[in-house]
Amino acid sequence: MSLLSNEQINDELIELNGWVFKDDVITKTYSFDTYMDGIGFVNRLAEKAEEVNHHPDIQVGWCTISVTFTSHDKGGVTAACVGMAQATEKLSHLNKYN
């Protein structure tokens, strides 16, 4: 999978509220009502990432989770990164941890 151009990335991010492209990564910070809601989100995201073999960098804070996608082997953002950002958005709306 090849790298997307800056224009392609910015066009894709128009549809992804809150995602930012900078320094060859796309990133977003999510807020949750409780710490455990955030951890549940991380677990769901980890399962999806493993399923498609495209893994984010995740930073866990108190009721916040920062998610970053890049293709480490390609050195930038690919369609797989954008696809995972889209999947992350869907997962973020499931608000109860399991």
N, C-alpha and C. Protein backbone atom coordinates (compact mmCIF):
# COMPACT_ATOMS: atom_id res chain seq x y z
N MET A 1 0.85 -1.18 0.00
CA MET A 1 0.00 0.00 0.00
C MET A 1 0.90 1.24 0.00
N SER A 2 0.61 2.18 -0.88
CA SER A 2 1.47 3.35 -1.01
C SER A 2 0.99 4.49 -0.10
N LEU A 3 1.89 5.42 0.10
CA LEU A 3 1.58 6.60 0.91
C LEU A 3 0.56 7.48 0.19
N LEU A 4 -0.30 8.10 0.97
CA LEU A 4 -1.23 9.08 0.42
C LEU A 4 -0.53 10.44 0.36
N SER A 5 -0.94 11.26 -0.59
CA SER A 5 -0.40 12.63 -0.67
C SER A 5 -1.02 13.46 0.45
N ASN A 6 -0.39 14.58 0.77
CA ASN A 6 -0.94 15.48 1.79
C ASN A 6 -2.37 15.90 1.42
N GLU A 7 -2.60 16.16 0.15
CA GLU A 7 -3.94 16.56 -0.30
C GLU A 7 -4.95 15.43 -0.09
N GLN A 8 -4.56 14.19 -0.42
CA GLN A 8 -5.46 13.05 -0.21
C GLN A 8 -5.79 12.87 1.27
N ILE A 9 -4.78 13.00 2.11
CA ILE A 9 -4.99 12.85 3.56
C ILE A 9 -5.95 13.92 4.06
N ASN A 10 -5.69 15.16 3.70
CA ASN A 10 -6.56 16.26 4.15
C ASN A 10 -7.98 16.10 3.64
N ASP A 11 -8.15 15.60 2.42
CA ASP A 11 -9.48 15.35 1.88
C ASP A 11 -10.20 14.28 2.70
N GLU A 12 -9.49 13.23 3.08
CA GLU A 12 -10.08 12.16 3.89
C GLU A 12 -10.46 12.65 5.28
N LEU A 13 -9.63 13.52 5.85
CA LEU A 13 -9.86 13.97 7.22
C LEU A 13 -11.05 14.92 7.34
N ILE A 14 -11.51 15.48 6.23
CA ILE A 14 -12.70 16.32 6.25
C ILE A 14 -13.87 15.53 6.83
N GLU A 15 -13.92 14.24 6.51
CA GLU A 15 -15.01 13.37 6.98
C GLU A 15 -14.76 12.82 8.39
N LEU A 16 -13.59 13.06 8.95
CA LEU A 16 -13.23 12.50 10.26
C LEU A 16 -13.03 13.63 11.26
N ASN A 17 -14.09 13.98 11.95
CA ASN A 17 -14.10 15.11 12.88
C ASN A 17 -13.04 14.95 13.97
N GLY A 18 -12.18 15.95 14.09
CA GLY A 18 -11.20 15.98 15.16
C GLY A 18 -9.87 15.35 14.85
N TRP A 19 -9.76 14.64 13.74
CA TRP A 19 -8.48 14.03 13.37
C TRP A 19 -7.57 15.10 12.77
N VAL A 20 -6.28 15.02 13.11
CA VAL A 20 -5.30 16.01 12.67
C VAL A 20 -4.15 15.28 11.97
N PHE A 21 -3.69 15.86 10.86
CA PHE A 21 -2.52 15.34 10.13
C PHE A 21 -1.34 16.26 10.40
N LYS A 22 -0.28 15.68 10.93
CA LYS A 22 0.94 16.45 11.20
C LYS A 22 2.11 15.48 11.35
N ASP A 23 3.24 15.85 10.79
CA ASP A 23 4.47 15.07 10.93
C ASP A 23 4.29 13.61 10.53
N ASP A 24 3.63 13.37 9.41
CA ASP A 24 3.47 12.04 8.84
C ASP A 24 2.61 11.09 9.65
N VAL A 25 1.74 11.62 10.51
CA VAL A 25 0.80 10.80 11.27
C VAL A 25 -0.57 11.47 11.28
N ILE A 26 -1.60 10.67 11.53
CA ILE A 26 -2.92 11.22 11.83
C ILE A 26 -3.25 10.85 13.27
N THR A 27 -3.85 11.78 13.98
CA THR A 27 -4.07 11.57 15.41
C THR A 27 -5.35 12.24 15.89
N LYS A 28 -5.89 11.68 16.96
CA LYS A 28 -7.06 12.26 17.61
C LYS A 28 -7.05 11.85 19.08
N THR A 29 -7.52 12.75 19.94
CA THR A 29 -7.69 12.45 21.36
C THR A 29 -9.18 12.36 21.66
N TYR A 30 -9.56 11.25 22.29
CA TYR A 30 -10.94 10.99 22.68
C TYR A 30 -11.10 11.20 24.17
N SER A 31 -12.27 11.69 24.57
CA SER A 31 -12.60 11.84 25.99
C SER A 31 -13.72 10.88 26.35
N PHE A 32 -13.64 10.32 27.56
CA PHE A 32 -14.62 9.36 28.04
C PHE A 32 -15.11 9.79 29.42
N ASP A 33 -16.30 9.32 29.77
CA ASP A 33 -16.89 9.67 31.06
C ASP A 33 -16.11 9.07 32.22
N THR A 34 -15.58 7.88 32.02
CA THR A 34 -14.82 7.22 33.08
C THR A 34 -13.53 6.66 32.51
N TYR A 35 -12.59 6.42 33.38
CA TYR A 35 -11.32 5.80 32.99
C TYR A 35 -11.58 4.44 32.34
N MET A 36 -12.46 3.65 32.94
CA MET A 36 -12.72 2.31 32.42
C MET A 36 -13.43 2.34 31.06
N ASP A 37 -14.23 3.37 30.77
CA ASP A 37 -14.79 3.51 29.43
C ASP A 37 -13.66 3.67 28.41
N GLY A 38 -12.65 4.46 28.76
CA GLY A 38 -11.49 4.62 27.89
C GLY A 38 -10.73 3.32 27.70
N ILE A 39 -10.56 2.58 28.75
CA ILE A 39 -9.86 1.29 28.66
C ILE A 39 -10.65 0.30 27.81
N GLY A 40 -11.98 0.31 27.96
CA GLY A 40 -12.81 -0.54 27.10
C GLY A 40 -12.64 -0.19 25.63
N PHE A 41 -12.57 1.10 25.35
CA PHE A 41 -12.32 1.58 23.99
C PHE A 41 -10.98 1.07 23.47
N VAL A 42 -9.95 1.16 24.30
CA VAL A 42 -8.63 0.67 23.91
C VAL A 42 -8.69 -0.82 23.58
N ASN A 43 -9.38 -1.59 24.39
CA ASN A 43 -9.48 -3.03 24.15
C ASN A 43 -10.19 -3.32 22.83
N ARG A 44 -11.29 -2.61 22.56
CA ARG A 44 -12.01 -2.80 21.29
C ARG A 44 -11.13 -2.40 20.11
N LEU A 45 -10.40 -1.30 20.25
CA LEU A 45 -9.51 -0.84 19.19
C LEU A 45 -8.38 -1.83 18.95
N ALA A 46 -7.83 -2.38 20.02
CA ALA A 46 -6.75 -3.37 19.90
C ALA A 46 -7.23 -4.60 19.14
N GLU A 47 -8.45 -5.06 19.42
CA GLU A 47 -9.00 -6.21 18.70
C GLU A 47 -9.14 -5.92 17.22
N LYS A 48 -9.66 -4.74 16.88
CA LYS A 48 -9.82 -4.36 15.48
C LYS A 48 -8.47 -4.24 14.79
N ALA A 49 -7.51 -3.62 15.46
CA ALA A 49 -6.17 -3.45 14.89
C ALA A 49 -5.52 -4.80 14.61
N GLU A 50 -5.69 -5.73 15.52
CA GLU A 50 -5.13 -7.06 15.33
C GLU A 50 -5.82 -7.78 14.17
N GLU A 51 -7.12 -7.59 14.06
CA GLU A 51 -7.90 -8.20 12.99
C GLU A 51 -7.40 -7.77 11.61
N VAL A 52 -7.09 -6.49 11.46
CA VAL A 52 -6.66 -5.98 10.14
C VAL A 52 -5.15 -5.79 10.04
N ASN A 53 -4.43 -6.10 11.11
CA ASN A 53 -2.97 -6.01 11.15
C ASN A 53 -2.46 -4.60 10.84
N HIS A 54 -3.12 -3.62 11.45
CA HIS A 54 -2.66 -2.22 11.34
C HIS A 54 -2.87 -1.57 12.70
N HIS A 55 -1.79 -1.37 13.42
CA HIS A 55 -1.86 -1.04 14.85
C HIS A 55 -1.52 0.42 15.12
N PRO A 56 -2.30 1.04 16.01
CA PRO A 56 -2.05 2.44 16.36
C PRO A 56 -1.04 2.56 17.50
N ASP A 57 -0.53 3.75 17.65
CA ASP A 57 0.14 4.12 18.89
C ASP A 57 -0.96 4.71 19.77
N ILE A 58 -1.02 4.26 21.00
CA ILE A 58 -2.09 4.67 21.91
C ILE A 58 -1.49 5.23 23.18
N GLN A 59 -1.99 6.37 23.60
CA GLN A 59 -1.58 6.97 24.87
C GLN A 59 -2.81 7.06 25.76
N VAL A 60 -2.71 6.45 26.95
CA VAL A 60 -3.81 6.41 27.89
C VAL A 60 -3.61 7.47 28.96
N GLY A 61 -4.64 8.27 29.17
CA GLY A 61 -4.64 9.26 30.24
C GLY A 61 -5.90 9.08 31.07
N TRP A 62 -6.11 9.97 32.02
CA TRP A 62 -7.30 9.90 32.85
C TRP A 62 -8.49 10.36 32.03
N CYS A 63 -9.32 9.41 31.62
CA CYS A 63 -10.53 9.64 30.82
C CYS A 63 -10.23 10.18 29.42
N THR A 64 -8.99 10.07 28.97
CA THR A 64 -8.63 10.44 27.61
C THR A 64 -7.76 9.36 26.99
N ILE A 65 -7.96 9.17 25.70
CA ILE A 65 -7.15 8.22 24.93
C ILE A 65 -6.72 8.94 23.65
N SER A 66 -5.42 9.00 23.41
CA SER A 66 -4.91 9.57 22.16
C SER A 66 -4.52 8.41 21.24
N VAL A 67 -4.98 8.49 20.00
CA VAL A 67 -4.75 7.44 19.02
C VAL A 67 -4.01 8.05 17.83
N THR A 68 -2.95 7.38 17.41
CA THR A 68 -2.14 7.86 16.29
C THR A 68 -1.91 6.72 15.31
N PHE A 69 -2.12 7.03 14.03
CA PHE A 69 -1.86 6.06 12.98
C PHE A 69 -0.81 6.59 12.01
N THR A 70 0.09 5.71 11.64
CA THR A 70 1.05 5.94 10.58
C THR A 70 1.49 4.56 10.11
N SER A 71 2.04 4.49 8.94
CA SER A 71 2.62 3.24 8.47
C SER A 71 4.12 3.33 8.72
N HIS A 72 4.57 2.63 9.75
CA HIS A 72 5.98 2.72 10.13
C HIS A 72 6.90 2.21 9.02
N ASP A 73 6.47 1.17 8.31
CA ASP A 73 7.33 0.64 7.25
C ASP A 73 7.33 1.51 6.00
N LYS A 74 6.24 2.28 5.78
CA LYS A 74 6.17 3.18 4.62
C LYS A 74 6.62 4.60 4.96
N GLY A 75 6.59 4.96 6.23
CA GLY A 75 7.04 6.28 6.65
C GLY A 75 6.02 7.38 6.48
N GLY A 76 4.74 7.04 6.64
CA GLY A 76 3.70 8.06 6.52
C GLY A 76 2.32 7.45 6.55
N VAL A 77 1.35 8.20 6.06
CA VAL A 77 -0.06 7.81 6.14
C VAL A 77 -0.48 7.11 4.85
N THR A 78 -1.13 5.95 5.02
CA THR A 78 -1.65 5.17 3.90
C THR A 78 -3.17 5.08 4.01
N ALA A 79 -3.78 4.47 3.01
CA ALA A 79 -5.23 4.24 3.05
C ALA A 79 -5.61 3.37 4.25
N ALA A 80 -4.73 2.45 4.65
CA ALA A 80 -5.00 1.61 5.82
C ALA A 80 -5.08 2.45 7.09
N CYS A 81 -4.27 3.49 7.19
CA CYS A 81 -4.33 4.40 8.35
C CYS A 81 -5.67 5.10 8.39
N VAL A 82 -6.10 5.61 7.25
CA VAL A 82 -7.39 6.30 7.18
C VAL A 82 -8.53 5.32 7.48
N GLY A 83 -8.43 4.12 6.95
CA GLY A 83 -9.45 3.10 7.23
C GLY A 83 -9.55 2.79 8.71
N MET A 84 -8.42 2.71 9.38
CA MET A 84 -8.44 2.46 10.82
C MET A 84 -8.95 3.67 11.59
N ALA A 85 -8.69 4.86 11.12
CA ALA A 85 -9.24 6.06 11.76
C ALA A 85 -10.77 6.03 11.66
N GLN A 86 -11.28 5.62 10.51
CA GLN A 86 -12.73 5.50 10.34
C GLN A 86 -13.30 4.44 11.29
N ALA A 87 -12.63 3.32 11.41
CA ALA A 87 -13.07 2.26 12.32
C ALA A 87 -12.99 2.73 13.77
N THR A 88 -11.96 3.50 14.10
CA THR A 88 -11.80 4.03 15.45
C THR A 88 -12.96 4.93 15.82
N GLU A 89 -13.40 5.74 14.87
CA GLU A 89 -14.56 6.61 15.11
C GLU A 89 -15.79 5.79 15.49
N LYS A 90 -16.03 4.72 14.76
CA LYS A 90 -17.19 3.87 15.05
C LYS A 90 -17.05 3.24 16.44
N LEU A 91 -15.86 2.77 16.77
CA LEU A 91 -15.63 2.13 18.06
C LEU A 91 -15.78 3.11 19.22
N SER A 92 -15.47 4.36 18.98
CA SER A 92 -15.52 5.35 20.06
C SER A 92 -16.94 5.63 20.54
N HIS A 93 -17.91 5.28 19.74
CA HIS A 93 -19.30 5.56 20.10
C HIS A 93 -19.91 4.46 20.96
N LEU A 94 -19.19 3.36 21.13
CA LEU A 94 -19.63 2.31 22.05
C LEU A 94 -19.11 2.69 23.43
N ASN A 95 -19.96 3.21 24.29
CA ASN A 95 -19.48 3.92 25.48
C ASN A 95 -19.34 3.08 26.74
N LYS A 96 -19.73 1.84 26.72
CA LYS A 96 -19.57 1.03 27.93
C LYS A 96 -18.45 0.01 27.72
N TYR A 97 -17.58 -0.09 28.70
CA TYR A 97 -16.52 -1.08 28.60
C TYR A 97 -17.07 -2.47 28.88
N ASN A 98 -16.36 -3.49 28.33
CA ASN A 98 -16.77 -4.86 28.59
C ASN A 98 -15.61 -5.65 29.13
